[in-house]
Amino acid sequence: MTNQSNDPGLAKGTIRSRLLAARRACAPERRAAWAAAACELLVGQMVAQMVGHSGGENVVAAYASFGTEPDTGPLLAELRGRGIRVLLPILENDMDLSWGWFSGPDSLVRRIPPGGSRPSPIPEPAESLGVDAVLSASWIVVPALAVSPTGMRMGRGGGSYDRVLARIEASPRPARPRVAALLYPGELDVDVPVEPHDRPVDMAVAGETVRHWGESTGGVLSR
């Protein structure tokens, strides 16, 4: 019998179950208030550090939230309101993510996901620009269930964003996209078991708390 304490996969499963249960138990109004505060803070942080890419155009790759995830609606609206172009993910048959432009809710469709029989609850862009389109972004905002004190992200276990983050890490471009995770209070500074495929984030925002990691900050900075 496998000892869970020595199996990071099993340990992660236990942590995921606890955090997902906590999200479900939280009042929707409280989740919405936390998410709105986090989105406002996140946009301010990204814009303050953003450097225009080719042609002076700023791009942020984000995601359309669903279920009990922090609502990204305010984030997407604020980015577009500031004239920042937004990429959203498209789940491919191999569980990798390609990307397409978001120009408002009417630009999204609901596809039948790989192995599914009904349309996904997560809307996606109608047209794919390919898996490498994310490399044009200044920032990528990723979903997460927890981030550790050292900035290691834990997602839902599907592996799609692990591939994206590995692609960003391996990019030969001189300026890679920086990575931010959107969380609720209580999901930051969680002791997350680390596996070889796990990748860190550069910033995490949970409610009204923001945390930075990386050489550019000289370590860890909190607010």
C-alpha atoms as a PDB file:
ATOM      1  CA  MET A   1       0.000   0.000   0.000  1.00  0.00           C
ATOM      2  CA  THR A   2       1.308   3.456  -0.964  1.00  0.00           C
ATOM      3  CA  ASN A   3       2.172   5.809   1.850  1.00  0.00           C
ATOM      4  CA  GLN A   4       0.391   9.075   1.037  1.00  0.00           C
ATOM      5  CA  SER A   5       3.027  11.099   2.888  1.00  0.00           C
ATOM      6  CA  ASN A   6       5.611   9.841   0.361  1.00  0.00           C
ATOM      7  CA  ASP A   7       3.369  10.201  -2.694  1.00  0.00           C
ATOM      8  CA  PRO A   8       3.037  13.829  -3.817  1.00  0.00           C
ATOM      9  CA  GLY A   9       0.208  12.939  -6.191  1.00  0.00           C
ATOM     10  CA  LEU A  10      -1.945  11.507  -3.403  1.00  0.00           C
ATOM     11  CA  ALA A  11      -1.041  14.362  -1.067  1.00  0.00           C
ATOM     12  CA  LYS A  12      -2.069  16.872  -3.719  1.00  0.00           C
ATOM     13  CA  GLY A  13      -5.392  15.071  -4.140  1.00  0.00           C
ATOM     14  CA  THR A  14      -6.126  15.501  -0.437  1.00  0.00           C
ATOM     15  CA  ILE A  15      -5.236  19.190  -0.544  1.00  0.00           C
ATOM     16  CA  ARG A  16      -7.336  19.743  -3.674  1.00  0.00           C
ATOM     17  CA  SER A  17     -10.368  18.113  -2.069  1.00  0.00           C
ATOM     18  CA  ARG A  18     -10.033  20.315   1.018  1.00  0.00           C
ATOM     19  CA  LEU A  19      -9.645  23.534  -0.951  1.00  0.00           C
ATOM     20  CA  LEU A  20     -12.479  22.761  -3.366  1.00  0.00           C
ATOM     21  CA  ALA A  21     -14.764  21.961  -0.417  1.00  0.00           C
ATOM     22  CA  ALA A  22     -13.828  25.290   1.174  1.00  0.00           C
ATOM     23  CA  ARG A  23     -14.708  27.105  -2.045  1.00  0.00           C
ATOM     24  CA  ARG A  24     -18.099  25.409  -2.219  1.00  0.00           C
ATOM     25  CA  ALA A  25     -18.809  26.206   1.431  1.00  0.00           C
ATOM     26  CA  CYS A  26     -18.022  29.916   1.003  1.00  0.00           C
ATOM     27  CA  ALA A  27     -21.003  32.209   0.379  1.00  0.00           C
ATOM     28  CA  PRO A  28     -21.189  33.310  -3.287  1.00  0.00           C
ATOM     29  CA  GLU A  29     -21.293  36.978  -2.226  1.00  0.00           C
ATOM     30  CA  ARG A  30     -18.059  36.558  -0.283  1.00  0.00           C
ATOM     31  CA  ARG A  31     -16.368  34.802  -3.199  1.00  0.00           C
ATOM     32  CA  ALA A  32     -17.516  37.574  -5.557  1.00  0.00           C
ATOM     33  CA  ALA A  33     -16.187  40.313  -3.268  1.00  0.00           C
ATOM     34  CA  TRP A  34     -12.811  38.583  -2.897  1.00  0.00           C
ATOM     35  CA  ALA A  35     -12.573  38.000  -6.648  1.00  0.00           C
ATOM     36  CA  ALA A  36     -13.444  41.612  -7.500  1.00  0.00           C
ATOM     37  CA  ALA A  37     -10.795  42.918  -5.093  1.00  0.00           C
ATOM     38  CA  ALA A  38      -8.205  40.490  -6.455  1.00  0.00           C
ATOM     39  CA  CYS A  39      -8.959  41.371 -10.090  1.00  0.00           C
ATOM     40  CA  GLU A  40      -8.638  45.107  -9.404  1.00  0.00           C
ATOM     41  CA  LEU A  41      -5.340  44.600  -7.625  1.00  0.00           C
ATOM     42  CA  LEU A  42      -4.051  42.201 -10.267  1.00  0.00           C
ATOM     43  CA  VAL A  43      -4.746  44.586 -13.154  1.00  0.00           C
ATOM     44  CA  GLY A  44      -2.991  47.409 -11.323  1.00  0.00           C
ATOM     45  CA  GLN A  45       0.047  45.246 -10.645  1.00  0.00           C
ATOM     46  CA  MET A  46       0.291  43.988 -14.235  1.00  0.00           C
ATOM     47  CA  VAL A  47      -0.163  47.401 -15.828  1.00  0.00           C
ATOM     48  CA  ALA A  48       2.449  48.950 -13.523  1.00  0.00           C
ATOM     49  CA  GLN A  49       5.040  46.382 -14.639  1.00  0.00           C
ATOM     50  CA  MET A  50       3.932  45.924 -18.230  1.00  0.00           C
ATOM     51  CA  VAL A  51       6.320  46.613 -21.065  1.00  0.00           C
ATOM     52  CA  GLY A  52       4.987  46.939 -24.592  1.00  0.00           C
ATOM     53  CA  HIS A  53       5.867  44.097 -26.916  1.00  0.00           C
ATOM     54  CA  SER A  54       6.399  44.366 -30.656  1.00  0.00           C
ATOM     55  CA  GLY A  55       4.527  47.287 -32.166  1.00  0.00           C
ATOM     56  CA  GLY A  56       3.919  48.685 -28.688  1.00  0.00           C
ATOM     57  CA  GLU A  57       0.963  46.356 -28.172  1.00  0.00           C
ATOM     58  CA  ASN A  58       0.329  44.924 -24.725  1.00  0.00           C
ATOM     59  CA  VAL A  59      -1.215  41.465 -24.484  1.00  0.00           C
ATOM     60  CA  VAL A  60      -2.417  39.498 -21.461  1.00  0.00           C
ATOM     61  CA  ALA A  61      -3.328  35.817 -21.634  1.00  0.00           C
ATOM     62  CA  ALA A  62      -6.038  34.980 -19.108  1.00  0.00           C
ATOM     63  CA  TYR A  63      -8.925  32.518 -18.762  1.00  0.00           C
ATOM     64  CA  ALA A  64     -12.705  32.417 -18.459  1.00  0.00           C
ATOM     65  CA  SER A  65     -13.566  31.238 -14.956  1.00  0.00           C
ATOM     66  CA  PHE A  66     -16.250  28.704 -14.133  1.00  0.00           C
ATOM     67  CA  GLY A  67     -17.895  27.174 -11.086  1.00  0.00           C
ATOM     68  CA  THR A  68     -16.431  28.375  -7.792  1.00  0.00           C
ATOM     69  CA  GLU A  69     -13.239  29.775  -9.324  1.00  0.00           C
ATOM     70  CA  PRO A  70     -12.510  33.461  -8.680  1.00  0.00           C
ATOM     71  CA  ASP A  71     -14.635  35.318 -11.222  1.00  0.00           C
ATOM     72  CA  THR A  72     -12.422  36.643 -14.016  1.00  0.00           C
ATOM     73  CA  GLY A  73     -15.216  38.670 -15.603  1.00  0.00           C
ATOM     74  CA  PRO A  74     -14.052  41.927 -13.948  1.00  0.00           C
ATOM     75  CA  LEU A  75     -10.465  41.181 -14.975  1.00  0.00           C
ATOM     76  CA  LEU A  76     -11.327  40.646 -18.644  1.00  0.00           C
ATOM     77  CA  ALA A  77     -13.540  43.739 -18.744  1.00  0.00           C
ATOM     78  CA  GLU A  78     -10.918  45.965 -17.107  1.00  0.00           C
ATOM     79  CA  LEU A  79      -8.135  44.764 -19.404  1.00  0.00           C
ATOM     80  CA  ARG A  80     -10.204  45.465 -22.503  1.00  0.00           C
ATOM     81  CA  GLY A  81     -11.281  48.810 -21.060  1.00  0.00           C
ATOM     82  CA  ARG A  82      -7.618  49.783 -20.808  1.00  0.00           C
ATOM     83  CA  GLY A  83      -6.994  48.843 -24.438  1.00  0.00           C
ATOM     84  CA  ILE A  84      -5.040  45.686 -23.579  1.00  0.00           C
ATOM     85  CA  ARG A  85      -5.589  42.757 -25.945  1.00  0.00           C
ATOM     86  CA  VAL A  86      -6.648  39.523 -24.257  1.00  0.00           C
ATOM     87  CA  LEU A  87      -5.938  35.910 -25.199  1.00  0.00           C
ATOM     88  CA  LEU A  88      -8.054  33.061 -23.810  1.00  0.00           C
ATOM     89  CA  PRO A  89      -7.277  29.329 -23.939  1.00  0.00           C
ATOM     90  CA  ILE A  90      -8.761  26.608 -26.121  1.00  0.00           C
ATOM     91  CA  LEU A  91      -8.503  23.018 -24.871  1.00  0.00           C
ATOM     92  CA  GLU A  92      -7.073  20.804 -27.604  1.00  0.00           C
ATOM     93  CA  ASN A  93      -7.598  17.062 -28.065  1.00  0.00           C
ATOM     94  CA  ASP A  94      -4.238  16.264 -26.449  1.00  0.00           C
ATOM     95  CA  MET A  95      -5.169  18.422 -23.397  1.00  0.00           C
ATOM     96  CA  ASP A  96      -2.697  21.117 -24.436  1.00  0.00           C
ATOM     97  CA  LEU A  97      -3.901  24.721 -24.706  1.00  0.00           C
ATOM     98  CA  SER A  98      -3.965  26.877 -27.800  1.00  0.00           C
ATOM     99  CA  TRP A  99      -5.066  30.505 -27.659  1.00  0.00           C
ATOM    100  CA  GLY A 100      -7.438  32.912 -29.383  1.00  0.00           C
ATOM    101  CA  TRP A 101      -8.441  36.554 -29.105  1.00  0.00           C
ATOM    102  CA  PHE A 102     -11.168  37.627 -26.692  1.00  0.00           C
ATOM    103  CA  SER A 103     -13.197  40.596 -27.930  1.00  0.00           C
ATOM    104  CA  GLY A 104     -16.176  40.224 -25.595  1.00  0.00           C
ATOM    105  CA  PRO A 105     -18.595  37.452 -24.582  1.00  0.00           C
ATOM    106  CA  ASP A 106     -19.993  37.208 -28.115  1.00  0.00           C
ATOM    107  CA  SER A 107     -16.564  36.180 -29.396  1.00  0.00           C
ATOM    108  CA  LEU A 108     -16.678  32.920 -27.394  1.00  0.00           C
ATOM    109  CA  VAL A 109     -18.208  29.520 -28.151  1.00  0.00           C
ATOM    110  CA  ARG A 110     -18.835  26.366 -26.108  1.00  0.00           C
ATOM    111  CA  ARG A 111     -17.154  23.324 -27.629  1.00  0.00           C
ATOM    112  CA  ILE A 112     -17.512  19.662 -26.757  1.00  0.00           C
ATOM    113  CA  PRO A 113     -14.271  18.925 -24.857  1.00  0.00           C
ATOM    114  CA  PRO A 114     -11.987  15.954 -25.646  1.00  0.00           C
ATOM    115  CA  GLY A 115     -13.763  12.771 -24.583  1.00  0.00           C
ATOM    116  CA  GLY A 116     -16.954  14.657 -23.743  1.00  0.00           C
ATOM    117  CA  SER A 117     -20.483  14.435 -25.090  1.00  0.00           C
ATOM    118  CA  ARG A 118     -21.828  17.852 -24.099  1.00  0.00           C
ATOM    119  CA  PRO A 119     -20.539  21.400 -24.567  1.00  0.00           C
ATOM    120  CA  SER A 120     -18.012  22.547 -21.987  1.00  0.00           C
ATOM    121  CA  PRO A 121     -19.128  24.999 -19.269  1.00  0.00           C
ATOM    122  CA  ILE A 122     -16.018  27.032 -20.147  1.00  0.00           C
ATOM    123  CA  PRO A 123     -16.431  29.314 -23.182  1.00  0.00           C
ATOM    124  CA  GLU A 124     -13.515  29.527 -25.600  1.00  0.00           C
ATOM    125  CA  PRO A 125     -12.467  31.747 -28.519  1.00  0.00           C
ATOM    126  CA  ALA A 126     -13.912  30.682 -31.852  1.00  0.00           C
ATOM    127  CA  GLU A 127     -10.589  30.730 -33.704  1.00  0.00           C
ATOM    128  CA  SER A 128      -7.250  29.319 -32.554  1.00  0.00           C
ATOM    129  CA  LEU A 129      -3.955  31.118 -33.067  1.00  0.00           C
ATOM    130  CA  GLY A 130      -1.960  28.059 -31.969  1.00  0.00           C
ATOM    131  CA  VAL A 131      -0.188  26.953 -28.807  1.00  0.00           C
ATOM    132  CA  ASP A 132       2.671  29.450 -29.171  1.00  0.00           C
ATOM    133  CA  ALA A 133       0.401  32.518 -29.276  1.00  0.00           C
ATOM    134  CA  VAL A 134       0.738  32.779 -25.498  1.00  0.00           C
ATOM    135  CA  LEU A 135       4.403  33.700 -25.945  1.00  0.00           C
ATOM    136  CA  SER A 136       3.330  37.103 -27.296  1.00  0.00           C
ATOM    137  CA  ALA A 137       1.803  38.044 -23.926  1.00  0.00           C
ATOM    138  CA  SER A 138       3.349  40.302 -21.313  1.00  0.00           C
ATOM    139  CA  TRP A 139       1.502  38.406 -18.580  1.00  0.00           C
ATOM    140  CA  ILE A 140      -0.387  35.138 -18.332  1.00  0.00           C
ATOM    141  CA  VAL A 141      -3.005  34.787 -15.602  1.00  0.00           C
ATOM    142  CA  VAL A 142      -3.432  31.136 -14.637  1.00  0.00           C
ATOM    143  CA  PRO A 143      -6.068  29.383 -12.520  1.00  0.00           C
ATOM    144  CA  ALA A 144      -4.788  27.805  -9.324  1.00  0.00           C
ATOM    145  CA  LEU A 145      -6.080  26.098  -6.215  1.00  0.00           C
ATOM    146  CA  ALA A 146      -3.040  27.010  -4.137  1.00  0.00           C
ATOM    147  CA  VAL A 147       0.366  28.656  -4.271  1.00  0.00           C
ATOM    148  CA  SER A 148       3.146  27.721  -1.872  1.00  0.00           C
ATOM    149  CA  PRO A 149       5.363  30.113   0.143  1.00  0.00           C
ATOM    150  CA  THR A 150       8.010  29.693  -2.582  1.00  0.00           C
ATOM    151  CA  GLY A 151       5.590  30.431  -5.431  1.00  0.00           C
ATOM    152  CA  MET A 152       4.886  26.878  -6.611  1.00  0.00           C
ATOM    153  CA  ARG A 153       1.441  26.578  -8.180  1.00  0.00           C
ATOM    154  CA  MET A 154      -0.996  23.721  -7.696  1.00  0.00           C
ATOM    155  CA  GLY A 155      -3.851  23.416 -10.182  1.00  0.00           C
ATOM    156  CA  ARG A 156      -6.647  20.897 -10.590  1.00  0.00           C
ATOM    157  CA  GLY A 157      -4.346  18.156 -11.856  1.00  0.00           C
ATOM    158  CA  GLY A 158      -5.198  18.121 -15.557  1.00  0.00           C
ATOM    159  CA  GLY A 159      -1.709  19.154 -16.625  1.00  0.00           C
ATOM    160  CA  SER A 160      -2.743  21.644 -19.331  1.00  0.00           C
ATOM    161  CA  TYR A 161      -1.231  24.674 -17.628  1.00  0.00           C
ATOM    162  CA  ASP A 162       1.891  22.714 -16.666  1.00  0.00           C
ATOM    163  CA  ARG A 163       2.507  22.384 -20.412  1.00  0.00           C
ATOM    164  CA  VAL A 164       1.888  26.083 -20.971  1.00  0.00           C
ATOM    165  CA  LEU A 165       4.280  27.097 -18.200  1.00  0.00           C
ATOM    166  CA  ALA A 166       6.931  24.664 -19.449  1.00  0.00           C
ATOM    167  CA  ARG A 167       6.552  26.169 -22.967  1.00  0.00           C
ATOM    168  CA  ILE A 168       7.040  29.665 -21.548  1.00  0.00           C
ATOM    169  CA  GLU A 169      10.093  28.541 -19.568  1.00  0.00           C
ATOM    170  CA  ALA A 170      11.643  26.959 -22.659  1.00  0.00           C
ATOM    171  CA  SER A 171      10.973  29.913 -24.957  1.00  0.00           C
ATOM    172  CA  PRO A 172      14.113  31.376 -26.578  1.00  0.00           C
ATOM    173  CA  ARG A 173      12.549  34.855 -26.567  1.00  0.00           C
ATOM    174  CA  PRO A 174      14.524  37.379 -24.496  1.00  0.00           C
ATOM    175  CA  ALA A 175      11.431  38.485 -22.535  1.00  0.00           C
ATOM    176  CA  ARG A 176       9.133  35.692 -21.433  1.00  0.00           C
ATOM    177  CA  PRO A 177       5.576  36.270 -20.212  1.00  0.00           C
ATOM    178  CA  ARG A 178       5.337  36.680 -16.457  1.00  0.00           C
ATOM    179  CA  VAL A 179       2.880  34.421 -14.675  1.00  0.00           C
ATOM    180  CA  ALA A 180       0.231  35.431 -12.141  1.00  0.00           C
ATOM    181  CA  ALA A 181      -2.160  33.200 -10.182  1.00  0.00           C
ATOM    182  CA  LEU A 182      -5.607  34.299  -9.004  1.00  0.00           C
ATOM    183  CA  LEU A 183      -6.702  32.875  -5.639  1.00  0.00           C
ATOM    184  CA  TYR A 184      -8.984  33.304  -2.656  1.00  0.00           C
ATOM    185  CA  PRO A 185      -7.683  34.107   0.837  1.00  0.00           C
ATOM    186  CA  GLY A 186      -6.564  30.885   2.502  1.00  0.00           C
ATOM    187  CA  GLU A 187      -5.117  29.490  -0.740  1.00  0.00           C
ATOM    188  CA  LEU A 188      -1.837  31.390  -0.517  1.00  0.00           C
ATOM    189  CA  ASP A 189       1.176  30.035   1.406  1.00  0.00           C
ATOM    190  CA  VAL A 190      -0.148  26.465   1.293  1.00  0.00           C
ATOM    191  CA  ASP A 191       2.476  23.738   1.657  1.00  0.00           C
ATOM    192  CA  VAL A 192       2.175  22.165  -1.782  1.00  0.00           C
ATOM    193  CA  PRO A 193       4.015  18.929  -2.647  1.00  0.00           C
ATOM    194  CA  VAL A 194       6.262  19.564  -5.646  1.00  0.00           C
ATOM    195  CA  GLU A 195       6.670  17.209  -8.610  1.00  0.00           C
ATOM    196  CA  PRO A 196       9.144  17.539 -11.518  1.00  0.00           C
ATOM    197  CA  HIS A 197       6.524  18.972 -13.892  1.00  0.00           C
ATOM    198  CA  ASP A 198       5.405  21.727 -11.478  1.00  0.00           C
ATOM    199  CA  ARG A 199       6.338  25.317 -12.280  1.00  0.00           C
ATOM    200  CA  PRO A 200       6.343  28.481 -10.132  1.00  0.00           C
ATOM    201  CA  VAL A 201       4.458  31.713 -10.695  1.00  0.00           C
ATOM    202  CA  ASP A 202       5.889  35.233 -10.540  1.00  0.00           C
ATOM    203  CA  MET A 203       2.947  36.710  -8.659  1.00  0.00           C
ATOM    204  CA  ALA A 204      -0.128  35.536  -6.765  1.00  0.00           C
ATOM    205  CA  VAL A 205      -3.123  37.638  -5.759  1.00  0.00           C
ATOM    206  CA  ALA A 206      -5.575  36.417  -3.117  1.00  0.00           C
ATOM    207  CA  GLY A 207      -8.293  38.868  -2.174  1.00  0.00           C
ATOM    208  CA  GLU A 208      -6.418  42.037  -1.176  1.00  0.00           C
ATOM    209  CA  THR A 209      -3.032  40.316  -0.747  1.00  0.00           C
ATOM    210  CA  VAL A 210      -0.381  40.230  -3.457  1.00  0.00           C
ATOM    211  CA  ARG A 211       2.864  38.290  -3.387  1.00  0.00           C
ATOM    212  CA  HIS A 212       5.809  38.518  -5.823  1.00  0.00           C
ATOM    213  CA  TRP A 213       8.625  36.063  -6.442  1.00  0.00           C
ATOM    214  CA  GLY A 214      11.609  36.107  -8.735  1.00  0.00           C
ATOM    215  CA  GLU A 215      14.969  37.708  -9.265  1.00  0.00           C
ATOM    216  CA  SER A 216      13.470  41.012 -10.415  1.00  0.00           C
ATOM    217  CA  THR A 217      12.009  41.544  -6.948  1.00  0.00           C
ATOM    218  CA  GLY A 218      15.088  40.305  -5.106  1.00  0.00           C
ATOM    219  CA  GLY A 219      13.096  37.486  -3.507  1.00  0.00           C
ATOM    220  CA  VAL A 220       9.605  37.598  -2.016  1.00  0.00           C
ATOM    221  CA  LEU A 221       7.594  40.781  -1.609  1.00  0.00           C
ATOM    222  CA  SER A 222       4.185  41.020   0.042  1.00  0.00           C
ATOM    223  CA  ARG A 223       1.518  43.626   0.382  1.00  0.00           C
END
